[in-house]
């Protein structure tokens, strides 16, 4: 397969532009959080939970990019695309199920008050004041894990910019 110079140049420009837009949106998000919450415990809680979601997503991305995608590419080249898709789908279901179970257990622990001593060392009334932020964390964490998993698969097919648009 020969790489067309114009296609490569257009892809690089598109990828770079989308990356800059992504960074700008992240900056706007930081500014909106600061504006909405101000400098208080709610902001700290948001960034704590956001950091945990990023950590969980990063762990899945690391496993995916270093182990699963190379194995899937091997299956694509040595067997068939169908065996590769079966492999990817199996791990997508597995990661989704494990993520949902872990997040549900964390939810139950914090809702019951047991998780406050080790998962999130915050007083109960602060959690109740920011319960929407706390509950949206679970959705963010799950969607981030799935997004990062699928983005790595897209990169293995040389769709570099599609993951940035999601």
Foldseek 3Di string as FASTA:
>chain_A
DDDDPVVVVVLVVLLVVLVVVLVVVVVVVVVVLCVVPNPDVLSVVLVLLVVVLVVLLVVLLVCLQPPLLVVLVVCCVPPHPVVSVVSLVVVLVVVLVVLVVVLVVCVVCVVVPNCCVPPNVDDPVVCVVNVVSVVVSSVSSSVSNSLSNVQSNVVSVVPNCVSSVD
